[in-house]
Amino acid sequence: MRKPILAIGAVAVVAAGVCASEFGVRKEQTMGTQSVRAHDGKPFHIFNPETMARPTAGYSQVAEVGEGKIVYIAGQAALDKSGNLVGKDDFRAQVQQVFENLKAAVEASGGDFNSIIKLNYYCAASVDPSQLPVVREVRDKYVNTANPPTSTFVFVQRLVRPEWLIEVDAVAVVKK
């Protein structure tokens, strides 16, 4: 069981700072709240509502799913295809393998990394906090940094195997 001991930044955060006109969407009013329908061919829309603080750490506040199939990707650790640990005691190597695993999973479901709308990070408390920029550096090679997925990042006492330094699960929306 994962027990968070410290939450970093906003928890359960979603959407990025792209205005509706740049994203090719049409705004509608629904019972006093703003609803946005995507017209860019994606079955979802990631955005930052004007009524919320603008994220500063590379995530979005809201992901709105309009259609498509929702794909849940289990927590990925730094295991290669054969189940061997990649990067023992090497945080960067483990983060890189985790993102490769996420990429493989979403592609197996018919999508790509741009289909991912939510990332949940679980980082072992043994990781030096000065290493955290590595996560964003690696992540930025995979996600649309102008409109990143929603995300949550927590430190946990440890992961299932003590040699695992980070685990990441994801939610994607893929066209049917």
C-alpha atoms as a PDB file:
ATOM      1  CA  MET A   1       0.000   0.000   0.000  1.00  0.00           C
ATOM      2  CA  ARG A   2       1.320   3.433  -0.916  1.00  0.00           C
ATOM      3  CA  LYS A   3       1.287   5.945   1.937  1.00  0.00           C
ATOM      4  CA  PRO A   4       1.933   9.535   0.864  1.00  0.00           C
ATOM      5  CA  ILE A   5       4.066  11.378   3.378  1.00  0.00           C
ATOM      6  CA  LEU A   6       4.418  14.685   1.533  1.00  0.00           C
ATOM      7  CA  ALA A   7       2.549  16.184  -1.376  1.00  0.00           C
ATOM      8  CA  ILE A   8       4.503  18.394  -3.737  1.00  0.00           C
ATOM      9  CA  GLY A   9       2.672  21.307  -5.348  1.00  0.00           C
ATOM     10  CA  ALA A  10      -0.997  21.021  -6.148  1.00  0.00           C
ATOM     11  CA  VAL A  11      -2.526  17.588  -5.805  1.00  0.00           C
ATOM     12  CA  ALA A  12      -4.758  16.278  -8.585  1.00  0.00           C
ATOM     13  CA  VAL A  13      -3.862  19.085 -10.910  1.00  0.00           C
ATOM     14  CA  VAL A  14      -4.996  19.348 -14.506  1.00  0.00           C
ATOM     15  CA  ALA A  15      -4.687  21.436 -17.756  1.00  0.00           C
ATOM     16  CA  ALA A  16      -2.253  23.935 -19.228  1.00  0.00           C
ATOM     17  CA  GLY A  17      -2.253  27.567 -20.230  1.00  0.00           C
ATOM     18  CA  VAL A  18      -3.576  27.511 -23.758  1.00  0.00           C
ATOM     19  CA  CYS A  19      -6.464  29.835 -24.501  1.00  0.00           C
ATOM     20  CA  ALA A  20      -9.495  28.396 -26.249  1.00  0.00           C
ATOM     21  CA  SER A  21      -8.894  30.209 -29.521  1.00  0.00           C
ATOM     22  CA  GLU A  22      -5.344  28.837 -29.753  1.00  0.00           C
ATOM     23  CA  PHE A  23      -6.577  25.309 -29.063  1.00  0.00           C
ATOM     24  CA  GLY A  24      -9.283  25.507 -31.719  1.00  0.00           C
ATOM     25  CA  VAL A  25     -12.273  25.165 -29.402  1.00  0.00           C
ATOM     26  CA  ARG A  26     -15.670  26.760 -29.076  1.00  0.00           C
ATOM     27  CA  LYS A  27     -16.746  28.073 -25.657  1.00  0.00           C
ATOM     28  CA  GLU A  28     -20.262  27.490 -24.343  1.00  0.00           C
ATOM     29  CA  GLN A  29     -21.983  28.547 -21.123  1.00  0.00           C
ATOM     30  CA  THR A  30     -23.632  25.807 -19.081  1.00  0.00           C
ATOM     31  CA  MET A  31     -25.450  26.710 -15.831  1.00  0.00           C
ATOM     32  CA  GLY A  32     -23.025  29.481 -14.950  1.00  0.00           C
ATOM     33  CA  THR A  33     -19.868  27.436 -15.473  1.00  0.00           C
ATOM     34  CA  GLN A  34     -17.697  27.505 -18.526  1.00  0.00           C
ATOM     35  CA  SER A  35     -17.679  24.317 -20.570  1.00  0.00           C
ATOM     36  CA  VAL A  36     -15.320  23.785 -23.491  1.00  0.00           C
ATOM     37  CA  ARG A  37     -15.857  21.402 -26.384  1.00  0.00           C
ATOM     38  CA  ALA A  38     -12.835  20.341 -28.373  1.00  0.00           C
ATOM     39  CA  HIS A  39     -12.877  20.902 -32.121  1.00  0.00           C
ATOM     40  CA  ASP A  40      -9.268  19.987 -32.792  1.00  0.00           C
ATOM     41  CA  GLY A  41      -9.877  16.295 -33.424  1.00  0.00           C
ATOM     42  CA  LYS A  42      -8.925  15.174 -29.906  1.00  0.00           C
ATOM     43  CA  PRO A  43     -11.515  13.409 -27.741  1.00  0.00           C
ATOM     44  CA  PHE A  44     -10.490  15.591 -24.768  1.00  0.00           C
ATOM     45  CA  HIS A  45      -9.481  19.129 -23.852  1.00  0.00           C
ATOM     46  CA  ILE A  46      -6.786  20.087 -21.341  1.00  0.00           C
ATOM     47  CA  PHE A  47      -6.913  23.623 -19.976  1.00  0.00           C
ATOM     48  CA  ASN A  48      -6.551  26.057 -17.081  1.00  0.00           C
ATOM     49  CA  PRO A  49      -9.785  27.776 -16.045  1.00  0.00           C
ATOM     50  CA  GLU A  50      -9.563  31.536 -15.628  1.00  0.00           C
ATOM     51  CA  THR A  51     -11.084  31.050 -12.152  1.00  0.00           C
ATOM     52  CA  MET A  52      -8.076  29.076 -10.864  1.00  0.00           C
ATOM     53  CA  ALA A  53      -4.425  29.821 -10.197  1.00  0.00           C
ATOM     54  CA  ARG A  54      -2.231  29.328 -13.242  1.00  0.00           C
ATOM     55  CA  PRO A  55       0.189  26.405 -12.649  1.00  0.00           C
ATOM     56  CA  THR A  56       3.878  27.251 -12.553  1.00  0.00           C
ATOM     57  CA  ALA A  57       5.325  23.721 -12.454  1.00  0.00           C
ATOM     58  CA  GLY A  58       4.421  22.304 -15.858  1.00  0.00           C
ATOM     59  CA  TYR A  59       0.992  20.771 -15.387  1.00  0.00           C
ATOM     60  CA  SER A  60      -2.592  21.672 -16.209  1.00  0.00           C
ATOM     61  CA  GLN A  61      -5.571  22.137 -13.893  1.00  0.00           C
ATOM     62  CA  VAL A  62      -8.370  20.401 -15.837  1.00  0.00           C
ATOM     63  CA  ALA A  63      -8.793  17.608 -18.365  1.00  0.00           C
ATOM     64  CA  GLU A  64     -12.254  17.340 -19.896  1.00  0.00           C
ATOM     65  CA  VAL A  65     -13.169  14.137 -21.743  1.00  0.00           C
ATOM     66  CA  GLY A  66     -15.841  14.454 -24.422  1.00  0.00           C
ATOM     67  CA  GLU A  67     -15.550  11.128 -26.220  1.00  0.00           C
ATOM     68  CA  GLY A  68     -13.111   8.315 -26.912  1.00  0.00           C
ATOM     69  CA  LYS A  69     -12.038   5.356 -24.842  1.00  0.00           C
ATOM     70  CA  ILE A  70     -10.417   5.922 -21.474  1.00  0.00           C
ATOM     71  CA  VAL A  71      -7.229   3.925 -20.914  1.00  0.00           C
ATOM     72  CA  TYR A  72      -5.867   3.380 -17.404  1.00  0.00           C
ATOM     73  CA  ILE A  73      -2.168   2.524 -17.283  1.00  0.00           C
ATOM     74  CA  ALA A  74      -0.899   0.778 -14.166  1.00  0.00           C
ATOM     75  CA  GLY A  75       1.984   2.224 -12.209  1.00  0.00           C
ATOM     76  CA  GLN A  76       5.173   1.795 -14.194  1.00  0.00           C
ATOM     77  CA  ALA A  77       8.511   1.215 -12.519  1.00  0.00           C
ATOM     78  CA  ALA A  78      11.911   1.079 -14.221  1.00  0.00           C
ATOM     79  CA  LEU A  79      11.562  -2.477 -15.518  1.00  0.00           C
ATOM     80  CA  ASP A  80      12.561  -3.474 -19.040  1.00  0.00           C
ATOM     81  CA  LYS A  81      10.512  -5.825 -21.227  1.00  0.00           C
ATOM     82  CA  SER A  82      12.093  -8.839 -19.498  1.00  0.00           C
ATOM     83  CA  GLY A  83      11.241  -7.525 -16.020  1.00  0.00           C
ATOM     84  CA  ASN A  84      14.800  -6.477 -15.143  1.00  0.00           C
ATOM     85  CA  LEU A  85      15.436  -3.262 -13.226  1.00  0.00           C
ATOM     86  CA  VAL A  86      16.971  -0.504 -15.339  1.00  0.00           C
ATOM     87  CA  GLY A  87      19.197   1.978 -13.510  1.00  0.00           C
ATOM     88  CA  LYS A  88      19.785   0.582 -10.022  1.00  0.00           C
ATOM     89  CA  ASP A  89      20.555   3.649  -7.851  1.00  0.00           C
ATOM     90  CA  ASP A  90      20.316   5.859 -10.985  1.00  0.00           C
ATOM     91  CA  PHE A  91      17.270   8.116 -10.685  1.00  0.00           C
ATOM     92  CA  ARG A  92      17.538   9.561 -14.222  1.00  0.00           C
ATOM     93  CA  ALA A  93      17.792   6.110 -15.805  1.00  0.00           C
ATOM     94  CA  GLN A  94      14.772   4.924 -13.834  1.00  0.00           C
ATOM     95  CA  VAL A  95      12.677   7.950 -14.821  1.00  0.00           C
ATOM     96  CA  GLN A  96      13.637   7.434 -18.485  1.00  0.00           C
ATOM     97  CA  GLN A  97      12.603   3.750 -18.372  1.00  0.00           C
ATOM     98  CA  VAL A  98       9.315   4.619 -16.667  1.00  0.00           C
ATOM     99  CA  PHE A  99       8.435   7.044 -19.466  1.00  0.00           C
ATOM    100  CA  GLU A 100       9.414   4.489 -22.115  1.00  0.00           C
ATOM    101  CA  ASN A 101       7.075   1.999 -20.418  1.00  0.00           C
ATOM    102  CA  LEU A 102       4.235   4.537 -20.354  1.00  0.00           C
ATOM    103  CA  LYS A 103       4.831   5.259 -24.038  1.00  0.00           C
ATOM    104  CA  ALA A 104       4.709   1.543 -24.887  1.00  0.00           C
ATOM    105  CA  ALA A 105       1.489   1.093 -22.909  1.00  0.00           C
ATOM    106  CA  VAL A 106      -0.382   3.997 -24.490  1.00  0.00           C
ATOM    107  CA  GLU A 107       0.786   2.969 -27.979  1.00  0.00           C
ATOM    108  CA  ALA A 108      -0.445  -0.589 -27.348  1.00  0.00           C
ATOM    109  CA  SER A 109      -3.869   0.958 -26.699  1.00  0.00           C
ATOM    110  CA  GLY A 110      -3.904   2.820 -30.005  1.00  0.00           C
ATOM    111  CA  GLY A 111      -2.752   6.219 -28.776  1.00  0.00           C
ATOM    112  CA  ASP A 112       0.435   8.145 -28.301  1.00  0.00           C
ATOM    113  CA  PHE A 113       1.895  10.216 -25.486  1.00  0.00           C
ATOM    114  CA  ASN A 114      -0.323  13.145 -26.491  1.00  0.00           C
ATOM    115  CA  SER A 115      -3.299  10.939 -25.539  1.00  0.00           C
ATOM    116  CA  ILE A 116      -2.271  11.018 -21.860  1.00  0.00           C
ATOM    117  CA  ILE A 117      -4.397  13.388 -19.791  1.00  0.00           C
ATOM    118  CA  LYS A 118      -3.227  12.494 -16.259  1.00  0.00           C
ATOM    119  CA  LEU A 119       0.065  11.409 -14.684  1.00  0.00           C
ATOM    120  CA  ASN A 120       0.420  10.331 -11.041  1.00  0.00           C
ATOM    121  CA  TYR A 121       3.971  10.238  -9.681  1.00  0.00           C
ATOM    122  CA  TYR A 122       5.036   8.258  -6.614  1.00  0.00           C
ATOM    123  CA  CYS A 123       8.603   9.015  -5.605  1.00  0.00           C
ATOM    124  CA  ALA A 124      10.468   7.173  -2.860  1.00  0.00           C
ATOM    125  CA  ALA A 125      11.355   9.383   0.094  1.00  0.00           C
ATOM    126  CA  SER A 126      14.949   8.175  -0.253  1.00  0.00           C
ATOM    127  CA  VAL A 127      15.323  10.277  -3.427  1.00  0.00           C
ATOM    128  CA  ASP A 128      17.137  13.551  -2.790  1.00  0.00           C
ATOM    129  CA  PRO A 129      14.692  16.399  -3.584  1.00  0.00           C
ATOM    130  CA  SER A 130      17.446  18.087  -5.629  1.00  0.00           C
ATOM    131  CA  GLN A 131      16.891  15.253  -8.171  1.00  0.00           C
ATOM    132  CA  LEU A 132      13.274  16.231  -8.869  1.00  0.00           C
ATOM    133  CA  PRO A 133      14.051  18.493 -11.866  1.00  0.00           C
ATOM    134  CA  VAL A 134      15.172  15.281 -13.608  1.00  0.00           C
ATOM    135  CA  VAL A 135      11.543  14.137 -13.693  1.00  0.00           C
ATOM    136  CA  ARG A 136      10.450  17.258 -15.531  1.00  0.00           C
ATOM    137  CA  GLU A 137      13.449  17.136 -17.913  1.00  0.00           C
ATOM    138  CA  VAL A 138      12.625  13.578 -18.955  1.00  0.00           C
ATOM    139  CA  ARG A 139       8.853  14.147 -18.971  1.00  0.00           C
ATOM    140  CA  ASP A 140       9.250  17.178 -21.240  1.00  0.00           C
ATOM    141  CA  LYS A 141      10.727  14.918 -23.951  1.00  0.00           C
ATOM    142  CA  TYR A 142       7.405  13.040 -24.058  1.00  0.00           C
ATOM    143  CA  VAL A 143       4.564  15.477 -23.324  1.00  0.00           C
ATOM    144  CA  ASN A 144       3.281  18.571 -25.063  1.00  0.00           C
ATOM    145  CA  THR A 145       4.909  21.144 -22.766  1.00  0.00           C
ATOM    146  CA  ALA A 146       2.607  23.927 -24.011  1.00  0.00           C
ATOM    147  CA  ASN A 147      -0.402  21.887 -22.858  1.00  0.00           C
ATOM    148  CA  PRO A 148       0.853  19.247 -20.391  1.00  0.00           C
ATOM    149  CA  PRO A 149      -1.302  16.567 -18.766  1.00  0.00           C
ATOM    150  CA  THR A 150      -2.820  17.026 -15.356  1.00  0.00           C
ATOM    151  CA  SER A 151      -0.642  15.540 -12.655  1.00  0.00           C
ATOM    152  CA  THR A 152      -0.100  14.699  -9.028  1.00  0.00           C
ATOM    153  CA  PHE A 153       3.325  14.189  -7.440  1.00  0.00           C
ATOM    154  CA  VAL A 154       3.731  12.651  -4.001  1.00  0.00           C
ATOM    155  CA  PHE A 155       6.576  11.277  -1.948  1.00  0.00           C
ATOM    156  CA  VAL A 156       5.963   7.890  -0.406  1.00  0.00           C
ATOM    157  CA  GLN A 157       7.939   6.134   2.292  1.00  0.00           C
ATOM    158  CA  ARG A 158       9.008   3.508  -0.241  1.00  0.00           C
ATOM    159  CA  LEU A 159       7.704   1.618  -3.248  1.00  0.00           C
ATOM    160  CA  VAL A 160       6.932  -2.120  -3.413  1.00  0.00           C
ATOM    161  CA  ARG A 161      10.562  -2.963  -4.142  1.00  0.00           C
ATOM    162  CA  PRO A 162      13.132  -0.917  -2.247  1.00  0.00           C
ATOM    163  CA  GLU A 163      15.315  -0.503  -5.360  1.00  0.00           C
ATOM    164  CA  TRP A 164      12.477   1.274  -7.206  1.00  0.00           C
ATOM    165  CA  LEU A 165      12.920   5.037  -6.905  1.00  0.00           C
ATOM    166  CA  ILE A 166       9.849   6.214  -8.847  1.00  0.00           C
ATOM    167  CA  GLU A 167       6.590   4.808 -10.163  1.00  0.00           C
ATOM    168  CA  VAL A 168       4.173   6.607 -12.478  1.00  0.00           C
ATOM    169  CA  ASP A 169       0.650   5.660 -13.534  1.00  0.00           C
ATOM    170  CA  ALA A 170      -1.402   7.372 -16.220  1.00  0.00           C
ATOM    171  CA  VAL A 171      -4.814   7.924 -17.713  1.00  0.00           C
ATOM    172  CA  ALA A 172      -5.161   8.396 -21.471  1.00  0.00           C
ATOM    173  CA  VAL A 173      -8.057   9.077 -23.810  1.00  0.00           C
ATOM    174  CA  VAL A 174      -7.767   7.421 -27.202  1.00  0.00           C
ATOM    175  CA  LYS A 175     -10.050   7.904 -30.197  1.00  0.00           C
ATOM    176  CA  LYS A 176     -12.418   4.972 -30.672  1.00  0.00           C
END
